[in-house]
């Protein structure tokens, strides 16, 4: 649903994505329904404010490099986005 309302790839700046996210209506009330969301962007923005690092720098230094994950990132540049795994959703009838 979120990608239907706006393309996160068009918002390279994390603050812009979170601001746009705040305008998206809830799919359901909290605790009533589970759905993939853009909540990691909100957490990323909080981490940026606390650490003073970009989320890419923080994750690279604290998670990806120590785990030897050298081809992993958070914000994927546009010419690499075709490499991102597509998210699949369960439909009410159980199909994907």
PDB file of N, CA and C in Angstrom:
ATOM      1  N   UNK A   1       0.820  -1.197   0.000  1.00  0.00           N
ATOM      2  CA  UNK A   1       0.000   0.000   0.000  1.00  0.00           C
ATOM      3  C   UNK A   1       0.860   1.256   0.000  1.00  0.00           C
ATOM      4  N   UNK A   2       1.896   1.282   0.829  1.00  0.00           N
ATOM      5  CA  UNK A   2       2.706   2.493   0.914  1.00  0.00           C
ATOM      6  C   UNK A   2       3.351   2.817  -0.422  1.00  0.00           C
ATOM      7  N   UNK A   3       3.848   1.788  -1.113  1.00  0.00           N
ATOM      8  CA  UNK A   3       4.469   2.032  -2.405  1.00  0.00           C
ATOM      9  C   UNK A   3       3.451   2.440  -3.450  1.00  0.00           C
ATOM     10  N   UNK A   4       2.180   2.115  -3.250  1.00  0.00           N
ATOM     11  CA  UNK A   4       1.137   2.575  -4.165  1.00  0.00           C
ATOM     12  C   UNK A   4       0.873   4.063  -3.984  1.00  0.00           C
ATOM     13  N   UNK A   5       1.060   4.589  -2.795  1.00  0.00           N
ATOM     14  CA  UNK A   5       0.771   5.993  -2.514  1.00  0.00           C
ATOM     15  C   UNK A   5       1.944   6.905  -2.807  1.00  0.00           C
ATOM     16  N   UNK A   6       3.151   6.406  -2.619  1.00  0.00           N
ATOM     17  CA  UNK A   6       4.338   7.175  -2.991  1.00  0.00           C
ATOM     18  C   UNK A   6       5.505   6.229  -3.179  1.00  0.00           C
ATOM     19  N   UNK A   7       6.397   6.603  -4.056  1.00  0.00           N
ATOM     20  CA  UNK A   7       7.566   5.785  -4.337  1.00  0.00           C
ATOM     21  C   UNK A   7       8.698   6.228  -3.425  1.00  0.00           C
ATOM     22  N   UNK A   8       9.070   5.421  -2.422  1.00  0.00           N
ATOM     23  CA  UNK A   8      10.138   5.824  -1.508  1.00  0.00           C
ATOM     24  C   UNK A   8      11.438   6.156  -2.225  1.00  0.00           C
ATOM     25  N   UNK A   9      11.664   5.563  -3.399  1.00  0.00           N
ATOM     26  CA  UNK A   9      12.895   5.833  -4.145  1.00  0.00           C
ATOM     27  C   UNK A   9      12.969   7.279  -4.621  1.00  0.00           C
ATOM     28  N   UNK A  10      11.827   7.956  -4.706  1.00  0.00           N
ATOM     29  CA  UNK A  10      11.820   9.351  -5.139  1.00  0.00           C
ATOM     30  C   UNK A  10      12.262  10.286  -4.022  1.00  0.00           C
ATOM     31  N   UNK A  11      12.339   9.785  -2.814  1.00  0.00           N
ATOM     32  CA  UNK A  11      12.702  10.604  -1.661  1.00  0.00           C
ATOM     33  C   UNK A  11      14.045  10.125  -1.122  1.00  0.00           C
ATOM     34  N   UNK A  12      15.136  10.665  -1.704  1.00  0.00           N
ATOM     35  CA  UNK A  12      16.476  10.236  -1.324  1.00  0.00           C
ATOM     36  C   UNK A  12      16.833  10.657   0.093  1.00  0.00           C
ATOM     37  N   UNK A  13      16.243  11.739   0.569  1.00  0.00           N
ATOM     38  CA  UNK A  13      16.543  12.239   1.906  1.00  0.00           C
ATOM     39  C   UNK A  13      15.575  11.592   2.889  1.00  0.00           C
ATOM     40  N   UNK A  14      16.132  10.957   3.907  1.00  0.00           N
ATOM     41  CA  UNK A  14      15.330  10.209   4.872  1.00  0.00           C
ATOM     42  C   UNK A  14      14.249  11.072   5.508  1.00  0.00           C
ATOM     43  N   UNK A  15      14.575  12.305   5.863  1.00  0.00           N
ATOM     44  CA  UNK A  15      13.592  13.194   6.479  1.00  0.00           C
ATOM     45  C   UNK A  15      12.393  13.411   5.561  1.00  0.00           C
ATOM     46  N   UNK A  16      12.642  13.504   4.250  1.00  0.00           N
ATOM     47  CA  UNK A  16      11.547  13.687   3.295  1.00  0.00           C
ATOM     48  C   UNK A  16      10.663  12.448   3.244  1.00  0.00           C
ATOM     49  N   UNK A  17      11.276  11.253   3.287  1.00  0.00           N
ATOM     50  CA  UNK A  17      10.478  10.022   3.263  1.00  0.00           C
ATOM     51  C   UNK A  17       9.607   9.918   4.501  1.00  0.00           C
ATOM     52  N   UNK A  18      10.174  10.224   5.671  1.00  0.00           N
ATOM     53  CA  UNK A  18       9.399  10.140   6.912  1.00  0.00           C
ATOM     54  C   UNK A  18       8.276  11.171   6.889  1.00  0.00           C
ATOM     55  N   UNK A  19       8.551  12.373   6.417  1.00  0.00           N
ATOM     56  CA  UNK A  19       7.509  13.408   6.320  1.00  0.00           C
ATOM     57  C   UNK A  19       6.379  12.940   5.406  1.00  0.00           C
ATOM     58  N   UNK A  20       6.708  12.351   4.271  1.00  0.00           N
ATOM     59  CA  UNK A  20       5.688  11.838   3.349  1.00  0.00           C
ATOM     60  C   UNK A  20       4.934  10.676   3.994  1.00  0.00           C
ATOM     61  N   UNK A  21       5.653   9.817   4.711  1.00  0.00           N
ATOM     62  CA  UNK A  21       5.028   8.683   5.391  1.00  0.00           C
ATOM     63  C   UNK A  21       3.966   9.141   6.379  1.00  0.00           C
ATOM     64  N   UNK A  22       4.221  10.243   7.058  1.00  0.00           N
ATOM     65  CA  UNK A  22       3.273  10.743   8.053  1.00  0.00           C
ATOM     66  C   UNK A  22       1.944  11.166   7.427  1.00  0.00           C
ATOM     67  N   UNK A  23       1.910  11.327   6.108  1.00  0.00           N
ATOM     68  CA  UNK A  23       0.687  11.724   5.412  1.00  0.00           C
ATOM     69  C   UNK A  23      -0.117  10.524   4.912  1.00  0.00           C
ATOM     70  N   UNK A  24       0.452   9.328   5.009  1.00  0.00           N
ATOM     71  CA  UNK A  24      -0.214   8.123   4.520  1.00  0.00           C
ATOM     72  C   UNK A  24      -1.208   7.644   5.577  1.00  0.00           C
ATOM     73  N   UNK A  25      -2.450   7.367   5.184  1.00  0.00           N
ATOM     74  CA  UNK A  25      -3.433   6.910   6.174  1.00  0.00           C
ATOM     75  C   UNK A  25      -3.093   5.518   6.710  1.00  0.00           C
ATOM     76  N   UNK A  26      -3.520   5.249   7.934  1.00  0.00           N
ATOM     77  CA  UNK A  26      -3.327   3.926   8.524  1.00  0.00           C
ATOM     78  C   UNK A  26      -4.133   2.889   7.755  1.00  0.00           C
ATOM     79  N   UNK A  27      -3.578   1.705   7.609  1.00  0.00           N
ATOM     80  CA  UNK A  27      -4.294   0.603   6.974  1.00  0.00           C
ATOM     81  C   UNK A  27      -5.305   0.024   7.952  1.00  0.00           C
ATOM     82  N   UNK A  28      -4.954   0.026   9.220  1.00  0.00           N
ATOM     83  CA  UNK A  28      -5.822  -0.460  10.282  1.00  0.00           C
ATOM     84  C   UNK A  28      -5.355   0.136  11.592  1.00  0.00           C
ATOM     85  N   UNK A  29      -6.121  -0.020  12.606  1.00  0.00           N
ATOM     86  CA  UNK A  29      -5.747   0.511  13.912  1.00  0.00           C
ATOM     87  C   UNK A  29      -4.598  -0.313  14.499  1.00  0.00           C
ATOM     88  N   UNK A  30      -3.697   0.324  15.233  1.00  0.00           N
ATOM     89  CA  UNK A  30      -2.594  -0.417  15.847  1.00  0.00           C
ATOM     90  C   UNK A  30      -3.109  -1.588  16.677  1.00  0.00           C
ATOM     91  N   UNK A  31      -2.465  -2.735  16.524  1.00  0.00           N
ATOM     92  CA  UNK A  31      -2.838  -3.938  17.252  1.00  0.00           C
ATOM     93  C   UNK A  31      -3.921  -4.760  16.579  1.00  0.00           C
ATOM     94  N   UNK A  32      -4.562  -4.239  15.547  1.00  0.00           N
ATOM     95  CA  UNK A  32      -5.633  -4.969  14.866  1.00  0.00           C
ATOM     96  C   UNK A  32      -5.150  -5.731  13.643  1.00  0.00           C
ATOM     97  N   UNK A  33      -4.079  -5.264  13.021  1.00  0.00           N
ATOM     98  CA  UNK A  33      -3.670  -5.817  11.744  1.00  0.00           C
ATOM     99  C   UNK A  33      -2.166  -5.654  11.587  1.00  0.00           C
ATOM    100  N   UNK A  34      -1.524  -6.630  10.943  1.00  0.00           N
ATOM    101  CA  UNK A  34      -0.098  -6.540  10.658  1.00  0.00           C
ATOM    102  C   UNK A  34       0.088  -6.283   9.177  1.00  0.00           C
ATOM    103  N   UNK A  35       1.076  -5.458   8.855  1.00  0.00           N
ATOM    104  CA  UNK A  35       1.349  -5.136   7.458  1.00  0.00           C
ATOM    105  C   UNK A  35       2.771  -4.610   7.371  1.00  0.00           C
ATOM    106  N   UNK A  36       3.474  -4.942   6.293  1.00  0.00           N
ATOM    107  CA  UNK A  36       4.788  -4.329   6.078  1.00  0.00           C
ATOM    108  C   UNK A  36       4.621  -2.827   6.108  1.00  0.00           C
ATOM    109  N   UNK A  37       5.560  -2.148   6.718  1.00  0.00           N
ATOM    110  CA  UNK A  37       5.436  -0.693   6.791  1.00  0.00           C
ATOM    111  C   UNK A  37       6.779  -0.031   6.540  1.00  0.00           C
ATOM    112  N   UNK A  38       6.760   1.272   6.554  1.00  0.00           N
ATOM    113  CA  UNK A  38       7.981   2.059   6.407  1.00  0.00           C
ATOM    114  C   UNK A  38       8.516   2.475   7.774  1.00  0.00           C
ATOM    115  N   UNK A  39       8.093   1.799   8.833  1.00  0.00           N
ATOM    116  CA  UNK A  39       8.558   2.135  10.178  1.00  0.00           C
ATOM    117  C   UNK A  39      10.079   2.099  10.309  1.00  0.00           C
ATOM    118  N   UNK A  40      10.803   1.243   9.569  1.00  0.00           N
ATOM    119  CA  UNK A  40      12.265   1.309   9.666  1.00  0.00           C
ATOM    120  C   UNK A  40      12.825   2.685   9.302  1.00  0.00           C
ATOM    121  N   UNK A  41      12.154   3.417   8.425  1.00  0.00           N
ATOM    122  CA  UNK A  41      12.605   4.773   8.108  1.00  0.00           C
ATOM    123  C   UNK A  41      12.496   5.681   9.326  1.00  0.00           C
ATOM    124  N   UNK A  42      11.465   5.490  10.125  1.00  0.00           N
ATOM    125  CA  UNK A  42      11.308   6.308  11.335  1.00  0.00           C
ATOM    126  C   UNK A  42      12.425   5.971  12.321  1.00  0.00           C
ATOM    127  N   UNK A  43      12.695   4.678  12.514  1.00  0.00           N
ATOM    128  CA  UNK A  43      13.795   4.259  13.380  1.00  0.00           C
ATOM    129  C   UNK A  43      15.128   4.778  12.848  1.00  0.00           C
ATOM    130  N   UNK A  44      15.323   4.728  11.534  1.00  0.00           N
ATOM    131  CA  UNK A  44      16.566   5.221  10.936  1.00  0.00           C
ATOM    132  C   UNK A  44      16.754   6.707  11.212  1.00  0.00           C
ATOM    133  N   UNK A  45      15.670   7.469  11.109  1.00  0.00           N
ATOM    134  CA  UNK A  45      15.757   8.904  11.375  1.00  0.00           C
ATOM    135  C   UNK A  45      16.122   9.159  12.842  1.00  0.00           C
ATOM    136  N   UNK A  46      15.540   8.385  13.750  1.00  0.00           N
ATOM    137  CA  UNK A  46      15.871   8.515  15.177  1.00  0.00           C
ATOM    138  C   UNK A  46      17.349   8.193  15.408  1.00  0.00           C
ATOM    139  N   UNK A  47      17.838   7.105  14.801  1.00  0.00           N
ATOM    140  CA  UNK A  47      19.252   6.749  14.948  1.00  0.00           C
ATOM    141  C   UNK A  47      20.168   7.841  14.405  1.00  0.00           C
ATOM    142  N   UNK A  48      19.790   8.438  13.284  1.00  0.00           N
ATOM    143  CA  UNK A  48      20.595   9.523  12.721  1.00  0.00           C
ATOM    144  C   UNK A  48      20.684  10.693  13.686  1.00  0.00           C
ATOM    145  N   UNK A  49      19.549  11.037  14.294  1.00  0.00           N
ATOM    146  CA  UNK A  49      19.525  12.167  15.228  1.00  0.00           C
ATOM    147  C   UNK A  49      20.357  11.868  16.476  1.00  0.00           C
ATOM    148  N   UNK A  50      20.290  10.637  16.982  1.00  0.00           N
ATOM    149  CA  UNK A  50      21.016  10.269  18.199  1.00  0.00           C
ATOM    150  C   UNK A  50      22.521  10.160  17.947  1.00  0.00           C
ATOM    151  N   UNK A  51      22.904   9.513  16.837  1.00  0.00           N
ATOM    152  CA  UNK A  51      24.321   9.230  16.592  1.00  0.00           C
ATOM    153  C   UNK A  51      25.044  10.333  15.834  1.00  0.00           C
ATOM    154  N   UNK A  52      24.295  11.152  15.105  1.00  0.00           N
ATOM    155  CA  UNK A  52      24.929  12.163  14.267  1.00  0.00           C
ATOM    156  C   UNK A  52      25.510  11.595  12.984  1.00  0.00           C
ATOM    157  N   UNK A  53      25.278  10.321  12.727  1.00  0.00           N
ATOM    158  CA  UNK A  53      25.744   9.667  11.510  1.00  0.00           C
ATOM    159  C   UNK A  53      24.564   9.434  10.581  1.00  0.00           C
ATOM    160  N   UNK A  54      24.838   9.319   9.281  1.00  0.00           N
ATOM    161  CA  UNK A  54      23.776   8.889   8.376  1.00  0.00           C
ATOM    162  C   UNK A  54      23.456   7.435   8.710  1.00  0.00           C
ATOM    163  N   UNK A  55      22.266   6.993   8.367  1.00  0.00           N
ATOM    164  CA  UNK A  55      21.893   5.607   8.657  1.00  0.00           C
ATOM    165  C   UNK A  55      22.804   4.646   7.908  1.00  0.00           C
ATOM    166  N   UNK A  56      23.211   5.030   6.687  1.00  0.00           N
ATOM    167  CA  UNK A  56      24.127   4.173   5.930  1.00  0.00           C
ATOM    168  C   UNK A  56      25.460   4.021   6.651  1.00  0.00           C
ATOM    169  N   UNK A  57      26.025   5.111   7.168  1.00  0.00           N
ATOM    170  CA  UNK A  57      27.293   5.047   7.906  1.00  0.00           C
ATOM    171  C   UNK A  57      27.138   4.208   9.170  1.00  0.00           C
ATOM    172  N   UNK A  58      26.060   4.461   9.915  1.00  0.00           N
ATOM    173  CA  UNK A  58      25.839   3.747  11.175  1.00  0.00           C
ATOM    174  C   UNK A  58      25.729   2.239  10.945  1.00  0.00           C
ATOM    175  N   UNK A  59      24.896   1.844   9.993  1.00  0.00           N
ATOM    176  CA  UNK A  59      24.711   0.418   9.731  1.00  0.00           C
ATOM    177  C   UNK A  59      25.985  -0.219   9.196  1.00  0.00           C
ATOM    178  N   UNK A  60      26.702   0.489   8.320  1.00  0.00           N
ATOM    179  CA  UNK A  60      27.942  -0.064   7.778  1.00  0.00           C
ATOM    180  C   UNK A  60      28.957  -0.309   8.902  1.00  0.00           C
ATOM    181  N   UNK A  61      29.156   0.692   9.764  1.00  0.00           N
ATOM    182  CA  UNK A  61      30.160   0.576  10.830  1.00  0.00           C
ATOM    183  C   UNK A  61      29.773  -0.426  11.915  1.00  0.00           C
ATOM    184  N   UNK A  62      28.490  -0.489  12.258  1.00  0.00           N
ATOM    185  CA  UNK A  62      28.063  -1.273  13.420  1.00  0.00           C
ATOM    186  C   UNK A  62      27.465  -2.633  13.102  1.00  0.00           C
ATOM    187  N   UNK A  63      27.038  -2.834  11.874  1.00  0.00           N
ATOM    188  CA  UNK A  63      26.391  -4.107  11.540  1.00  0.00           C
ATOM    189  C   UNK A  63      27.011  -4.755  10.305  1.00  0.00           C
ATOM    190  N   UNK A  64      26.957  -4.073   9.169  1.00  0.00           N
ATOM    191  CA  UNK A  64      27.358  -4.703   7.914  1.00  0.00           C
ATOM    192  C   UNK A  64      28.842  -5.071   7.867  1.00  0.00           C
ATOM    193  N   UNK A  65      29.739  -4.123   8.159  1.00  0.00           N
ATOM    194  CA  UNK A  65      31.177  -4.426   8.105  1.00  0.00           C
ATOM    195  C   UNK A  65      31.583  -5.495   9.119  1.00  0.00           C
ATOM    196  N   UNK A  66      31.140  -5.422  10.387  1.00  0.00           N
ATOM    197  CA  UNK A  66      31.518  -6.492  11.329  1.00  0.00           C
ATOM    198  C   UNK A  66      31.029  -7.878  10.894  1.00  0.00           C
ATOM    199  N   UNK A  67      29.925  -7.920  10.159  1.00  0.00           N
ATOM    200  CA  UNK A  67      29.396  -9.201   9.680  1.00  0.00           C
ATOM    201  C   UNK A  67      29.902  -9.555   8.284  1.00  0.00           C
ATOM    202  N   UNK A  68      30.852  -8.740   7.775  1.00  0.00           N
ATOM    203  CA  UNK A  68      31.432  -8.936   6.441  1.00  0.00           C
ATOM    204  C   UNK A  68      30.371  -8.889   5.343  1.00  0.00           C
ATOM    205  N   UNK A  69      29.380  -8.047   5.523  1.00  0.00           N
ATOM    206  CA  UNK A  69      28.292  -7.868   4.549  1.00  0.00           C
ATOM    207  C   UNK A  69      28.617  -6.635   3.698  1.00  0.00           C
ATOM    208  N   UNK A  70      29.494  -6.825   2.712  1.00  0.00           N
ATOM    209  CA  UNK A  70      30.003  -5.693   1.956  1.00  0.00           C
ATOM    210  C   UNK A  70      29.115  -5.300   0.782  1.00  0.00           C
ATOM    211  N   UNK A  71      28.113  -6.086   0.468  1.00  0.00           N
ATOM    212  CA  UNK A  71      27.192  -5.768  -0.628  1.00  0.00           C
ATOM    213  C   UNK A  71      25.788  -5.565  -0.075  1.00  0.00           C
ATOM    214  N   UNK A  72      25.703  -4.899   1.065  1.00  0.00           N
ATOM    215  CA  UNK A  72      24.437  -4.682   1.755  1.00  0.00           C
ATOM    216  C   UNK A  72      24.323  -3.211   2.103  1.00  0.00           C
ATOM    217  N   UNK A  73      23.112  -2.680   2.051  1.00  0.00           N
ATOM    218  CA  UNK A  73      22.917  -1.284   2.411  1.00  0.00           C
ATOM    219  C   UNK A  73      21.486  -1.011   2.804  1.00  0.00           C
ATOM    220  N   UNK A  74      21.250   0.191   3.265  1.00  0.00           N
ATOM    221  CA  UNK A  74      19.899   0.595   3.665  1.00  0.00           C
ATOM    222  C   UNK A  74      19.238   1.401   2.560  1.00  0.00           C
ATOM    223  N   UNK A  75      19.847   2.492   2.166  1.00  0.00           N
ATOM    224  CA  UNK A  75      19.340   3.299   1.060  1.00  0.00           C
ATOM    225  C   UNK A  75      20.066   2.864  -0.202  1.00  0.00           C
ATOM    226  N   UNK A  76      19.345   2.257  -1.104  1.00  0.00           N
ATOM    227  CA  UNK A  76      19.941   1.736  -2.326  1.00  0.00           C
ATOM    228  C   UNK A  76      19.835   2.798  -3.411  1.00  0.00           C
ATOM    229  N   UNK A  77      20.965   3.092  -4.068  1.00  0.00           N
ATOM    230  CA  UNK A  77      20.948   4.116  -5.109  1.00  0.00           C
ATOM    231  C   UNK A  77      20.123   3.642  -6.298  1.00  0.00           C
ATOM    232  N   UNK A  78      19.581   4.600  -7.049  1.00  0.00           N
ATOM    233  CA  UNK A  78      18.607   4.290  -8.096  1.00  0.00           C
ATOM    234  C   UNK A  78      19.110   3.276  -9.111  1.00  0.00           C
ATOM    235  N   UNK A  79      20.372   3.361  -9.527  1.00  0.00           N
ATOM    236  CA  UNK A  79      20.835   2.421 -10.553  1.00  0.00           C
ATOM    237  C   UNK A  79      21.077   1.013 -10.001  1.00  0.00           C
ATOM    238  N   UNK A  80      20.887   0.797  -8.699  1.00  0.00           N
ATOM    239  CA  UNK A  80      21.016  -0.527  -8.093  1.00  0.00           C
ATOM    240  C   UNK A  80      19.677  -1.085  -7.604  1.00  0.00           C
ATOM    241  N   UNK A  81      18.597  -0.326  -7.761  1.00  0.00           N
ATOM    242  CA  UNK A  81      17.318  -0.739  -7.184  1.00  0.00           C
ATOM    243  C   UNK A  81      16.725  -1.983  -7.831  1.00  0.00           C
ATOM    244  N   UNK A  82      17.133  -2.297  -9.050  1.00  0.00           N
ATOM    245  CA  UNK A  82      16.628  -3.522  -9.679  1.00  0.00           C
ATOM    246  C   UNK A  82      17.139  -4.761  -8.950  1.00  0.00           C
ATOM    247  N   UNK A  83      18.152  -4.612  -8.099  1.00  0.00           N
ATOM    248  CA  UNK A  83      18.712  -5.728  -7.343  1.00  0.00           C
ATOM    249  C   UNK A  83      17.950  -6.007  -6.048  1.00  0.00           C
ATOM    250  N   UNK A  84      17.031  -5.140  -5.669  1.00  0.00           N
ATOM    251  CA  UNK A  84      16.301  -5.310  -4.412  1.00  0.00           C
ATOM    252  C   UNK A  84      15.261  -6.419  -4.565  1.00  0.00           C
ATOM    253  N   UNK A  85      15.176  -7.257  -3.559  1.00  0.00           N
ATOM    254  CA  UNK A  85      14.173  -8.317  -3.542  1.00  0.00           C
ATOM    255  C   UNK A  85      12.789  -7.713  -3.417  1.00  0.00           C
ATOM    256  N   UNK A  86      11.855  -8.211  -4.201  1.00  0.00           N
ATOM    257  CA  UNK A  86      10.489  -7.722  -4.129  1.00  0.00           C
ATOM    258  C   UNK A  86       9.798  -8.244  -2.877  1.00  0.00           C
ATOM    259  N   UNK A  87       9.000  -7.406  -2.258  1.00  0.00           N
ATOM    260  CA  UNK A  87       8.222  -7.810  -1.088  1.00  0.00           C
ATOM    261  C   UNK A  87       6.957  -8.503  -1.582  1.00  0.00           C
ATOM    262  N   UNK A  88       6.611  -9.619  -0.966  1.00  0.00           N
ATOM    263  CA  UNK A  88       5.407 -10.360  -1.330  1.00  0.00           C
ATOM    264  C   UNK A  88       4.419 -10.302  -0.177  1.00  0.00           C
ATOM    265  N   UNK A  89       3.158 -10.259  -0.503  1.00  0.00           N
ATOM    266  CA  UNK A  89       2.102 -10.145   0.494  1.00  0.00           C
ATOM    267  C   UNK A  89       1.162 -11.332   0.383  1.00  0.00           C
ATOM    268  N   UNK A  90       0.653 -11.792   1.517  1.00  0.00           N
ATOM    269  CA  UNK A  90      -0.381 -12.818   1.509  1.00  0.00           C
ATOM    270  C   UNK A  90      -1.724 -12.170   1.237  1.00  0.00           C
ATOM    271  N   UNK A  91      -2.435 -12.719   0.280  1.00  0.00           N
ATOM    272  CA  UNK A  91      -3.784 -12.273  -0.035  1.00  0.00           C
ATOM    273  C   UNK A  91      -4.738 -13.051   0.878  1.00  0.00           C
ATOM    274  N   UNK A  92      -5.935 -12.531   1.072  1.00  0.00           N
ATOM    275  CA  UNK A  92      -6.885 -13.172   2.003  1.00  0.00           C
ATOM    276  C   UNK A  92      -7.114 -14.642   1.695  1.00  0.00           C
ATOM    277  N   UNK A  93      -7.053 -15.034   0.406  1.00  0.00           N
ATOM    278  CA  UNK A  93      -7.288 -16.437   0.063  1.00  0.00           C
ATOM    279  C   UNK A  93      -6.053 -17.313   0.303  1.00  0.00           C
ATOM    280  N   UNK A  94      -4.979 -16.720   0.833  1.00  0.00           N
ATOM    281  CA  UNK A  94      -3.774 -17.471   1.147  1.00  0.00           C
ATOM    282  C   UNK A  94      -2.720 -17.431   0.062  1.00  0.00           C
ATOM    283  N   UNK A  95      -3.064 -16.886  -1.091  1.00  0.00           N
ATOM    284  CA  UNK A  95      -2.076 -16.804  -2.167  1.00  0.00           C
ATOM    285  C   UNK A  95      -1.127 -15.639  -1.919  1.00  0.00           C
ATOM    286  N   UNK A  96      -0.075 -15.606  -2.712  1.00  0.00           N
ATOM    287  CA  UNK A  96       0.904 -14.522  -2.589  1.00  0.00           C
ATOM    288  C   UNK A  96       0.788 -13.618  -3.798  1.00  0.00           C
TER     289      UNK A  96
END
